[in-house]
C-alpha cells in the first residue's frame, strides 16, 4: 500500500509510541502491478511517501537524517514543480 499524500495530520501516535496512519483517500493497494499507468502512479506515490516520511523525521527528530536522506529531501520532486506551475496557470 502507498498513501500518496502523507503529512503530519495523517499520523497518530498511540500511548505506547506506535504510529498509526489515517486518511487513505488517495492510497493505492496491491503493489506496482497492472497496466503501465497504474505502475507509474504506484512508483510516484511511493516516492512521495518516502519524501513525506523524511520530512516527518526531520520535523520530529532533527539531526537524525543521514547526509543521503538530507540530500534526497532537498531535491524538490518534478511533480511538485508541475503542480505549482499548474496552480499559477489556473489562477491566471
PDB file of N, CA and C in Angstrom:
ATOM      1  N   UNK A   1       0.843  -1.174   0.000  1.00  0.00           N
ATOM      2  CA  UNK A   1       0.000   0.000   0.000  1.00  0.00           C
ATOM      3  C   UNK A   1       0.891   1.241   0.000  1.00  0.00           C
ATOM      4  N   UNK A   2       0.490   2.189  -0.784  1.00  0.00           N
ATOM      5  CA  UNK A   2       1.110   3.503  -0.759  1.00  0.00           C
ATOM      6  C   UNK A   2       0.014   4.514  -0.444  1.00  0.00           C
ATOM      7  N   UNK A   3       0.380   5.546   0.296  1.00  0.00           N
ATOM      8  CA  UNK A   3      -0.603   6.537   0.727  1.00  0.00           C
ATOM      9  C   UNK A   3      -0.700   7.678  -0.272  1.00  0.00           C
ATOM     10  N   UNK A   4       0.423   8.168  -0.739  1.00  0.00           N
ATOM     11  CA  UNK A   4       0.435   9.168  -1.800  1.00  0.00           C
ATOM     12  C   UNK A   4       0.274  10.612  -1.377  1.00  0.00           C
ATOM     13  N   UNK A   5      -0.251  10.859  -0.184  1.00  0.00           N
ATOM     14  CA  UNK A   5      -0.460  12.233   0.287  1.00  0.00           C
ATOM     15  C   UNK A   5      -0.221  12.286   1.790  1.00  0.00           C
ATOM     16  N   UNK A   6       0.865  11.691   2.231  1.00  0.00           N
ATOM     17  CA  UNK A   6       1.154  11.579   3.655  1.00  0.00           C
ATOM     18  C   UNK A   6       1.651  12.909   4.219  1.00  0.00           C
ATOM     19  N   UNK A   7       1.048  13.347   5.311  1.00  0.00           N
ATOM     20  CA  UNK A   7       1.529  14.530   6.025  1.00  0.00           C
ATOM     21  C   UNK A   7       1.271  14.333   7.509  1.00  0.00           C
ATOM     22  N   UNK A   8       1.763  15.227   8.315  1.00  0.00           N
ATOM     23  CA  UNK A   8       1.745  15.032   9.771  1.00  0.00           C
ATOM     24  C   UNK A   8       0.350  14.814  10.343  1.00  0.00           C
ATOM     25  N   UNK A   9      -0.672  15.345   9.708  1.00  0.00           N
ATOM     26  CA  UNK A   9      -2.037  15.142  10.220  1.00  0.00           C
ATOM     27  C   UNK A   9      -2.543  13.721   9.943  1.00  0.00           C
ATOM     28  N   UNK A  10      -1.823  12.968   9.110  1.00  0.00           N
ATOM     29  CA  UNK A  10      -2.218  11.595   8.796  1.00  0.00           C
ATOM     30  C   UNK A  10      -1.550  10.562   9.694  1.00  0.00           C
ATOM     31  N   UNK A  11      -0.766  11.015  10.652  1.00  0.00           N
ATOM     32  CA  UNK A  11      -0.066  10.104  11.555  1.00  0.00           C
ATOM     33  C   UNK A  11      -0.523  10.374  12.983  1.00  0.00           C
ATOM     34  N   UNK A  12      -1.059   9.351  13.612  1.00  0.00           N
ATOM     35  CA  UNK A  12      -1.430   9.430  15.018  1.00  0.00           C
ATOM     36  C   UNK A  12      -0.454   8.565  15.802  1.00  0.00           C
ATOM     37  N   UNK A  13      -0.084   9.006  16.979  1.00  0.00           N
ATOM     38  CA  UNK A  13       0.830   8.247  17.824  1.00  0.00           C
ATOM     39  C   UNK A  13       0.071   7.781  19.050  1.00  0.00           C
ATOM     40  N   UNK A  14       0.098   6.454  19.264  1.00  0.00           N
ATOM     41  CA  UNK A  14      -0.583   5.878  20.409  1.00  0.00           C
ATOM     42  C   UNK A  14       0.183   6.106  21.699  1.00  0.00           C
ATOM     43  N   UNK A  15      -0.444   5.791  22.842  1.00  0.00           N
ATOM     44  CA  UNK A  15       0.198   5.979  24.142  1.00  0.00           C
ATOM     45  C   UNK A  15       1.445   5.109  24.279  1.00  0.00           C
ATOM     46  N   UNK A  16       1.499   4.014  23.514  1.00  0.00           N
ATOM     47  CA  UNK A  16       2.667   3.130  23.560  1.00  0.00           C
ATOM     48  C   UNK A  16       3.765   3.564  22.590  1.00  0.00           C
ATOM     49  N   UNK A  17       3.522   4.671  21.850  1.00  0.00           N
ATOM     50  CA  UNK A  17       4.526   5.176  20.906  1.00  0.00           C
ATOM     51  C   UNK A  17       4.384   4.644  19.500  1.00  0.00           C
ATOM     52  N   UNK A  18       3.477   3.703  19.279  1.00  0.00           N
ATOM     53  CA  UNK A  18       3.262   3.180  17.936  1.00  0.00           C
ATOM     54  C   UNK A  18       2.596   4.231  17.056  1.00  0.00           C
ATOM     55  N   UNK A  19       3.010   4.279  15.799  1.00  0.00           N
ATOM     56  CA  UNK A  19       2.426   5.215  14.835  1.00  0.00           C
ATOM     57  C   UNK A  19       1.292   4.529  14.083  1.00  0.00           C
ATOM     58  N   UNK A  20       0.233   5.273  13.872  1.00  0.00           N
ATOM     59  CA  UNK A  20      -0.942   4.788  13.136  1.00  0.00           C
ATOM     60  C   UNK A  20      -1.228   5.768  12.007  1.00  0.00           C
ATOM     61  N   UNK A  21      -1.381   5.225  10.796  1.00  0.00           N
ATOM     62  CA  UNK A  21      -1.712   6.068   9.646  1.00  0.00           C
ATOM     63  C   UNK A  21      -3.219   6.133   9.476  1.00  0.00           C
ATOM     64  N   UNK A  22      -3.708   7.311   9.117  1.00  0.00           N
ATOM     65  CA  UNK A  22      -5.130   7.517   8.852  1.00  0.00           C
ATOM     66  C   UNK A  22      -5.269   8.267   7.526  1.00  0.00           C
ATOM     67  N   UNK A  23      -6.465   8.332   7.006  1.00  0.00           N
ATOM     68  CA  UNK A  23      -6.780   9.046   5.771  1.00  0.00           C
ATOM     69  C   UNK A  23      -6.147   8.374   4.558  1.00  0.00           C
ATOM     70  N   UNK A  24      -6.803   7.351   4.083  1.00  0.00           N
ATOM     71  CA  UNK A  24      -6.317   6.601   2.939  1.00  0.00           C
ATOM     72  C   UNK A  24      -7.082   6.937   1.657  1.00  0.00           C
ATOM     73  N   UNK A  25      -7.606   8.157   1.577  1.00  0.00           N
ATOM     74  CA  UNK A  25      -8.428   8.528   0.423  1.00  0.00           C
ATOM     75  C   UNK A  25      -7.651   8.530  -0.887  1.00  0.00           C
ATOM     76  N   UNK A  26      -6.343   8.742  -0.847  1.00  0.00           N
ATOM     77  CA  UNK A  26      -5.549   8.758  -2.086  1.00  0.00           C
ATOM     78  C   UNK A  26      -4.638   7.541  -2.195  1.00  0.00           C
ATOM     79  N   UNK A  27      -4.853   6.533  -1.349  1.00  0.00           N
ATOM     80  CA  UNK A  27      -3.938   5.390  -1.324  1.00  0.00           C
ATOM     81  C   UNK A  27      -4.220   4.408  -2.468  1.00  0.00           C
ATOM     82  N   UNK A  28      -3.194   3.630  -2.767  1.00  0.00           N
ATOM     83  CA  UNK A  28      -3.291   2.554  -3.748  1.00  0.00           C
ATOM     84  C   UNK A  28      -2.899   1.254  -3.057  1.00  0.00           C
ATOM     85  N   UNK A  29      -3.657   0.198  -3.313  1.00  0.00           N
ATOM     86  CA  UNK A  29      -3.369  -1.108  -2.724  1.00  0.00           C
ATOM     87  C   UNK A  29      -2.980  -2.087  -3.822  1.00  0.00           C
ATOM     88  N   UNK A  30      -2.251  -3.112  -3.450  1.00  0.00           N
ATOM     89  CA  UNK A  30      -2.000  -4.207  -4.371  1.00  0.00           C
ATOM     90  C   UNK A  30      -0.641  -4.232  -5.024  1.00  0.00           C
ATOM     91  N   UNK A  31       0.162  -3.259  -4.819  1.00  0.00           N
ATOM     92  CA  UNK A  31       1.516  -3.282  -5.369  1.00  0.00           C
ATOM     93  C   UNK A  31       1.615  -2.698  -6.756  1.00  0.00           C
ATOM     94  N   UNK A  32       2.863  -2.575  -7.230  1.00  0.00           N
ATOM     95  CA  UNK A  32       3.115  -1.946  -8.537  1.00  0.00           C
ATOM     96  C   UNK A  32       2.926  -2.918  -9.692  1.00  0.00           C
ATOM     97  N   UNK A  33       1.735  -3.389  -9.868  1.00  0.00           N
ATOM     98  CA  UNK A  33       1.454  -4.305 -10.977  1.00  0.00           C
ATOM     99  C   UNK A  33       0.248  -3.785 -11.743  1.00  0.00           C
ATOM    100  N   UNK A  34      -0.032  -4.396 -12.849  1.00  0.00           N
ATOM    101  CA  UNK A  34      -1.162  -3.964 -13.664  1.00  0.00           C
ATOM    102  C   UNK A  34      -0.697  -3.166 -14.857  1.00  0.00           C
ATOM    103  N   UNK A  35      -1.540  -2.280 -15.315  1.00  0.00           N
ATOM    104  CA  UNK A  35      -1.224  -1.515 -16.524  1.00  0.00           C
ATOM    105  C   UNK A  35      -0.116  -0.495 -16.254  1.00  0.00           C
ATOM    106  N   UNK A  36       0.513  -0.009 -17.298  1.00  0.00           N
ATOM    107  CA  UNK A  36       1.643   0.915 -17.133  1.00  0.00           C
ATOM    108  C   UNK A  36       1.300   2.187 -16.346  1.00  0.00           C
ATOM    109  N   UNK A  37       0.105   2.736 -16.519  1.00  0.00           N
ATOM    110  CA  UNK A  37      -0.272   3.944 -15.782  1.00  0.00           C
ATOM    111  C   UNK A  37      -0.348   3.662 -14.286  1.00  0.00           C
ATOM    112  N   UNK A  38      -0.954   2.540 -13.920  1.00  0.00           N
ATOM    113  CA  UNK A  38      -1.049   2.172 -12.507  1.00  0.00           C
ATOM    114  C   UNK A  38       0.339   1.956 -11.905  1.00  0.00           C
ATOM    115  N   UNK A  39       1.233   1.293 -12.639  1.00  0.00           N
ATOM    116  CA  UNK A  39       2.596   1.073 -12.141  1.00  0.00           C
ATOM    117  C   UNK A  39       3.305   2.411 -11.925  1.00  0.00           C
ATOM    118  N   UNK A  40       3.130   3.346 -12.861  1.00  0.00           N
ATOM    119  CA  UNK A  40       3.756   4.669 -12.750  1.00  0.00           C
ATOM    120  C   UNK A  40       3.198   5.429 -11.556  1.00  0.00           C
ATOM    121  N   UNK A  41       1.881   5.381 -11.376  1.00  0.00           N
ATOM    122  CA  UNK A  41       1.247   6.060 -10.241  1.00  0.00           C
ATOM    123  C   UNK A  41       1.731   5.457  -8.919  1.00  0.00           C
ATOM    124  N   UNK A  42       1.893   4.127  -8.880  1.00  0.00           N
ATOM    125  CA  UNK A  42       2.372   3.462  -7.672  1.00  0.00           C
ATOM    126  C   UNK A  42       3.784   3.956  -7.325  1.00  0.00           C
ATOM    127  N   UNK A  43       4.664   3.972  -8.323  1.00  0.00           N
ATOM    128  CA  UNK A  43       6.045   4.410  -8.080  1.00  0.00           C
ATOM    129  C   UNK A  43       6.076   5.874  -7.621  1.00  0.00           C
ATOM    130  N   UNK A  44       5.273   6.715  -8.244  1.00  0.00           N
ATOM    131  CA  UNK A  44       5.225   8.123  -7.867  1.00  0.00           C
ATOM    132  C   UNK A  44       4.723   8.282  -6.435  1.00  0.00           C
ATOM    133  N   UNK A  45       3.648   7.590  -6.089  1.00  0.00           N
ATOM    134  CA  UNK A  45       3.108   7.676  -4.726  1.00  0.00           C
ATOM    135  C   UNK A  45       4.124   7.169  -3.710  1.00  0.00           C
ATOM    136  N   UNK A  46       4.850   6.107  -4.043  1.00  0.00           N
ATOM    137  CA  UNK A  46       5.874   5.578  -3.133  1.00  0.00           C
ATOM    138  C   UNK A  46       6.995   6.595  -2.934  1.00  0.00           C
ATOM    139  N   UNK A  47       7.401   7.270  -3.994  1.00  0.00           N
ATOM    140  CA  UNK A  47       8.440   8.295  -3.872  1.00  0.00           C
ATOM    141  C   UNK A  47       7.957   9.457  -3.001  1.00  0.00           C
ATOM    142  N   UNK A  48       6.716   9.872  -3.203  1.00  0.00           N
ATOM    143  CA  UNK A  48       6.160  10.975  -2.405  1.00  0.00           C
ATOM    144  C   UNK A  48       6.025  10.566  -0.942  1.00  0.00           C
ATOM    145  N   UNK A  49       5.639   9.308  -0.700  1.00  0.00           N
ATOM    146  CA  UNK A  49       5.548   8.818   0.676  1.00  0.00           C
ATOM    147  C   UNK A  49       6.917   8.811   1.343  1.00  0.00           C
ATOM    148  N   UNK A  50       7.938   8.363   0.618  1.00  0.00           N
ATOM    149  CA  UNK A  50       9.291   8.338   1.197  1.00  0.00           C
ATOM    150  C   UNK A  50       9.720   9.760   1.579  1.00  0.00           C
ATOM    151  N   UNK A  51       9.466  10.702   0.691  1.00  0.00           N
ATOM    152  CA  UNK A  51       9.830  12.096   0.970  1.00  0.00           C
ATOM    153  C   UNK A  51       9.056  12.613   2.182  1.00  0.00           C
ATOM    154  N   UNK A  52       7.787  12.258   2.278  1.00  0.00           N
ATOM    155  CA  UNK A  52       6.965  12.689   3.411  1.00  0.00           C
ATOM    156  C   UNK A  52       7.485  12.107   4.722  1.00  0.00           C
ATOM    157  N   UNK A  53       7.906  10.856   4.708  1.00  0.00           N
ATOM    158  CA  UNK A  53       8.458  10.236   5.916  1.00  0.00           C
ATOM    159  C   UNK A  53       9.746  10.952   6.324  1.00  0.00           C
ATOM    160  N   UNK A  54      10.584  11.288   5.351  1.00  0.00           N
ATOM    161  CA  UNK A  54      11.815  12.019   5.661  1.00  0.00           C
ATOM    162  C   UNK A  54      11.496  13.393   6.249  1.00  0.00           C
ATOM    163  N   UNK A  55      10.468  14.059   5.719  1.00  0.00           N
ATOM    164  CA  UNK A  55      10.076  15.362   6.269  1.00  0.00           C
ATOM    165  C   UNK A  55       9.579  15.229   7.712  1.00  0.00           C
ATOM    166  N   UNK A  56       8.800  14.173   7.972  1.00  0.00           N
ATOM    167  CA  UNK A  56       8.322  13.936   9.332  1.00  0.00           C
ATOM    168  C   UNK A  56       9.491  13.635  10.268  1.00  0.00           C
ATOM    169  N   UNK A  57      10.422  12.836   9.775  1.00  0.00           N
ATOM    170  CA  UNK A  57      11.599  12.513  10.581  1.00  0.00           C
ATOM    171  C   UNK A  57      12.386  13.778  10.898  1.00  0.00           C
ATOM    172  N   UNK A  58      12.576  14.622   9.903  1.00  0.00           N
ATOM    173  CA  UNK A  58      13.303  15.884  10.104  1.00  0.00           C
ATOM    174  C   UNK A  58      12.568  16.787  11.100  1.00  0.00           C
ATOM    175  N   UNK A  59      11.253  16.792  11.020  1.00  0.00           N
ATOM    176  CA  UNK A  59      10.448  17.650  11.887  1.00  0.00           C
ATOM    177  C   UNK A  59      10.475  17.201  13.350  1.00  0.00           C
ATOM    178  N   UNK A  60      10.357  15.874  13.567  1.00  0.00           N
ATOM    179  CA  UNK A  60      10.221  15.367  14.921  1.00  0.00           C
ATOM    180  C   UNK A  60      11.504  14.798  15.517  1.00  0.00           C
ATOM    181  N   UNK A  61      12.507  14.547  14.690  1.00  0.00           N
ATOM    182  CA  UNK A  61      13.816  14.067  15.161  1.00  0.00           C
ATOM    183  C   UNK A  61      14.912  14.844  14.444  1.00  0.00           C
ATOM    184  N   UNK A  62      15.007  16.140  14.696  1.00  0.00           N
ATOM    185  CA  UNK A  62      16.012  16.958  13.997  1.00  0.00           C
ATOM    186  C   UNK A  62      17.411  16.363  14.135  1.00  0.00           C
ATOM    187  N   UNK A  63      18.150  16.401  13.042  1.00  0.00           N
ATOM    188  CA  UNK A  63      19.513  15.885  13.045  1.00  0.00           C
ATOM    189  C   UNK A  63      19.626  14.394  12.847  1.00  0.00           C
ATOM    190  N   UNK A  64      18.512  13.698  12.661  1.00  0.00           N
ATOM    191  CA  UNK A  64      18.566  12.238  12.540  1.00  0.00           C
ATOM    192  C   UNK A  64      18.693  11.740  11.098  1.00  0.00           C
ATOM    193  N   UNK A  65      18.573  12.640  10.117  1.00  0.00           N
ATOM    194  CA  UNK A  65      18.697  12.228   8.724  1.00  0.00           C
ATOM    195  C   UNK A  65      20.160  11.977   8.370  1.00  0.00           C
ATOM    196  N   UNK A  66      20.388  10.963   7.547  1.00  0.00           N
ATOM    197  CA  UNK A  66      21.726  10.743   7.016  1.00  0.00           C
ATOM    198  C   UNK A  66      21.989  11.816   5.958  1.00  0.00           C
ATOM    199  N   UNK A  67      23.241  12.033   5.585  1.00  0.00           N
ATOM    200  CA  UNK A  67      23.516  13.005   4.521  1.00  0.00           C
ATOM    201  C   UNK A  67      22.777  12.676   3.219  1.00  0.00           C
ATOM    202  N   UNK A  68      22.668  11.394   2.904  1.00  0.00           N
ATOM    203  CA  UNK A  68      21.950  10.986   1.688  1.00  0.00           C
ATOM    204  C   UNK A  68      20.463  11.320   1.785  1.00  0.00           C
ATOM    205  N   UNK A  69      19.867  11.102   2.958  1.00  0.00           N
ATOM    206  CA  UNK A  69      18.455  11.420   3.152  1.00  0.00           C
ATOM    207  C   UNK A  69      18.224  12.927   3.094  1.00  0.00           C
ATOM    208  N   UNK A  70      19.130  13.693   3.676  1.00  0.00           N
ATOM    209  CA  UNK A  70      19.011  15.157   3.642  1.00  0.00           C
ATOM    210  C   UNK A  70      19.090  15.664   2.204  1.00  0.00           C
ATOM    211  N   UNK A  71      19.982  15.081   1.416  1.00  0.00           N
ATOM    212  CA  UNK A  71      20.096  15.465   0.009  1.00  0.00           C
ATOM    213  C   UNK A  71      18.826  15.099  -0.753  1.00  0.00           C
ATOM    214  N   UNK A  72      18.308  13.907  -0.494  1.00  0.00           N
ATOM    215  CA  UNK A  72      17.061  13.479  -1.136  1.00  0.00           C
ATOM    216  C   UNK A  72      15.921  14.438  -0.797  1.00  0.00           C
ATOM    217  N   UNK A  73      15.859  14.862   0.443  1.00  0.00           N
ATOM    218  CA  UNK A  73      14.803  15.774   0.877  1.00  0.00           C
ATOM    219  C   UNK A  73      14.977  17.164   0.274  1.00  0.00           C
ATOM    220  N   UNK A  74      16.206  17.575   0.045  1.00  0.00           N
ATOM    221  CA  UNK A  74      16.480  18.899  -0.519  1.00  0.00           C
ATOM    222  C   UNK A  74      16.079  19.009  -1.985  1.00  0.00           C
ATOM    223  N   UNK A  75      15.971  17.881  -2.669  1.00  0.00           N
ATOM    224  CA  UNK A  75      15.604  17.890  -4.089  1.00  0.00           C
ATOM    225  C   UNK A  75      14.081  17.868  -4.222  1.00  0.00           C
ATOM    226  N   UNK A  76      13.534  18.896  -4.832  1.00  0.00           N
ATOM    227  CA  UNK A  76      12.084  19.003  -4.992  1.00  0.00           C
ATOM    228  C   UNK A  76      11.636  18.103  -6.141  1.00  0.00           C
ATOM    229  N   UNK A  77      10.692  17.191  -5.878  1.00  0.00           N
ATOM    230  CA  UNK A  77      10.217  16.299  -6.937  1.00  0.00           C
ATOM    231  C   UNK A  77       9.604  17.073  -8.109  1.00  0.00           C
ATOM    232  N   UNK A  78       9.787  16.560  -9.285  1.00  0.00           N
ATOM    233  CA  UNK A  78       9.275  17.185 -10.504  1.00  0.00           C
ATOM    234  C   UNK A  78       7.760  17.390 -10.428  1.00  0.00           C
ATOM    235  N   UNK A  79       7.049  16.424  -9.866  1.00  0.00           N
ATOM    236  CA  UNK A  79       5.588  16.529  -9.803  1.00  0.00           C
ATOM    237  C   UNK A  79       5.162  17.734  -8.964  1.00  0.00           C
ATOM    238  N   UNK A  80       5.943  18.113  -7.941  1.00  0.00           N
ATOM    239  CA  UNK A  80       5.638  19.304  -7.149  1.00  0.00           C
ATOM    240  C   UNK A  80       5.798  20.556  -7.999  1.00  0.00           C
ATOM    241  N   UNK A  81       6.859  20.580  -8.803  1.00  0.00           N
ATOM    242  CA  UNK A  81       7.077  21.743  -9.669  1.00  0.00           C
ATOM    243  C   UNK A  81       5.954  21.846 -10.705  1.00  0.00           C
ATOM    244  N   UNK A  82       5.509  20.711 -11.239  1.00  0.00           N
ATOM    245  CA  UNK A  82       4.401  20.721 -12.204  1.00  0.00           C
ATOM    246  C   UNK A  82       3.136  21.267 -11.548  1.00  0.00           C
ATOM    247  N   UNK A  83       2.857  20.803 -10.338  1.00  0.00           N
ATOM    248  CA  UNK A  83       1.667  21.258  -9.626  1.00  0.00           C
ATOM    249  C   UNK A  83       1.694  22.755  -9.357  1.00  0.00           C
ATOM    250  N   UNK A  84       2.849  23.262  -8.978  1.00  0.00           N
ATOM    251  CA  UNK A  84       2.985  24.694  -8.716  1.00  0.00           C
ATOM    252  C   UNK A  84       2.738  25.497  -9.991  1.00  0.00           C
ATOM    253  N   UNK A  85       3.291  25.023 -11.104  1.00  0.00           N
ATOM    254  CA  UNK A  85       3.083  25.707 -12.390  1.00  0.00           C
ATOM    255  C   UNK A  85       1.618  25.657 -12.802  1.00  0.00           C
ATOM    256  N   UNK A  86       0.984  24.518 -12.599  1.00  0.00           N
ATOM    257  CA  UNK A  86      -0.426  24.370 -12.961  1.00  0.00           C
ATOM    258  C   UNK A  86      -1.303  25.292 -12.121  1.00  0.00           C
ATOM    259  N   UNK A  87      -1.025  25.396 -10.828  1.00  0.00           N
ATOM    260  CA  UNK A  87      -1.804  26.308  -9.970  1.00  0.00           C
ATOM    261  C   UNK A  87      -1.670  27.755 -10.444  1.00  0.00           C
ATOM    262  N   UNK A  88      -0.445  28.164 -10.784  1.00  0.00           N
ATOM    263  CA  UNK A  88      -0.232  29.538 -11.282  1.00  0.00           C
ATOM    264  C   UNK A  88      -1.009  29.762 -12.574  1.00  0.00           C
ATOM    265  N   UNK A  89      -0.983  28.780 -13.452  1.00  0.00           N
ATOM    266  CA  UNK A  89      -1.673  28.884 -14.735  1.00  0.00           C
ATOM    267  C   UNK A  89      -3.185  29.005 -14.531  1.00  0.00           C
ATOM    268  N   UNK A  90      -3.738  28.203 -13.635  1.00  0.00           N
ATOM    269  CA  UNK A  90      -5.179  28.213 -13.398  1.00  0.00           C
ATOM    270  C   UNK A  90      -5.649  29.474 -12.674  1.00  0.00           C
ATOM    271  N   UNK A  91      -4.790  30.042 -11.859  1.00  0.00           N
ATOM    272  CA  UNK A  91      -5.153  31.272 -11.152  1.00  0.00           C
ATOM    273  C   UNK A  91      -5.085  32.502 -12.046  1.00  0.00           C
ATOM    274  N   UNK A  92      -4.342  32.365 -13.141  1.00  0.00           N
ATOM    275  CA  UNK A  92      -4.260  33.459 -14.100  1.00  0.00           C
ATOM    276  C   UNK A  92      -3.205  34.388 -13.849  1.00  0.00           C
TER     277      UNK A  92
END
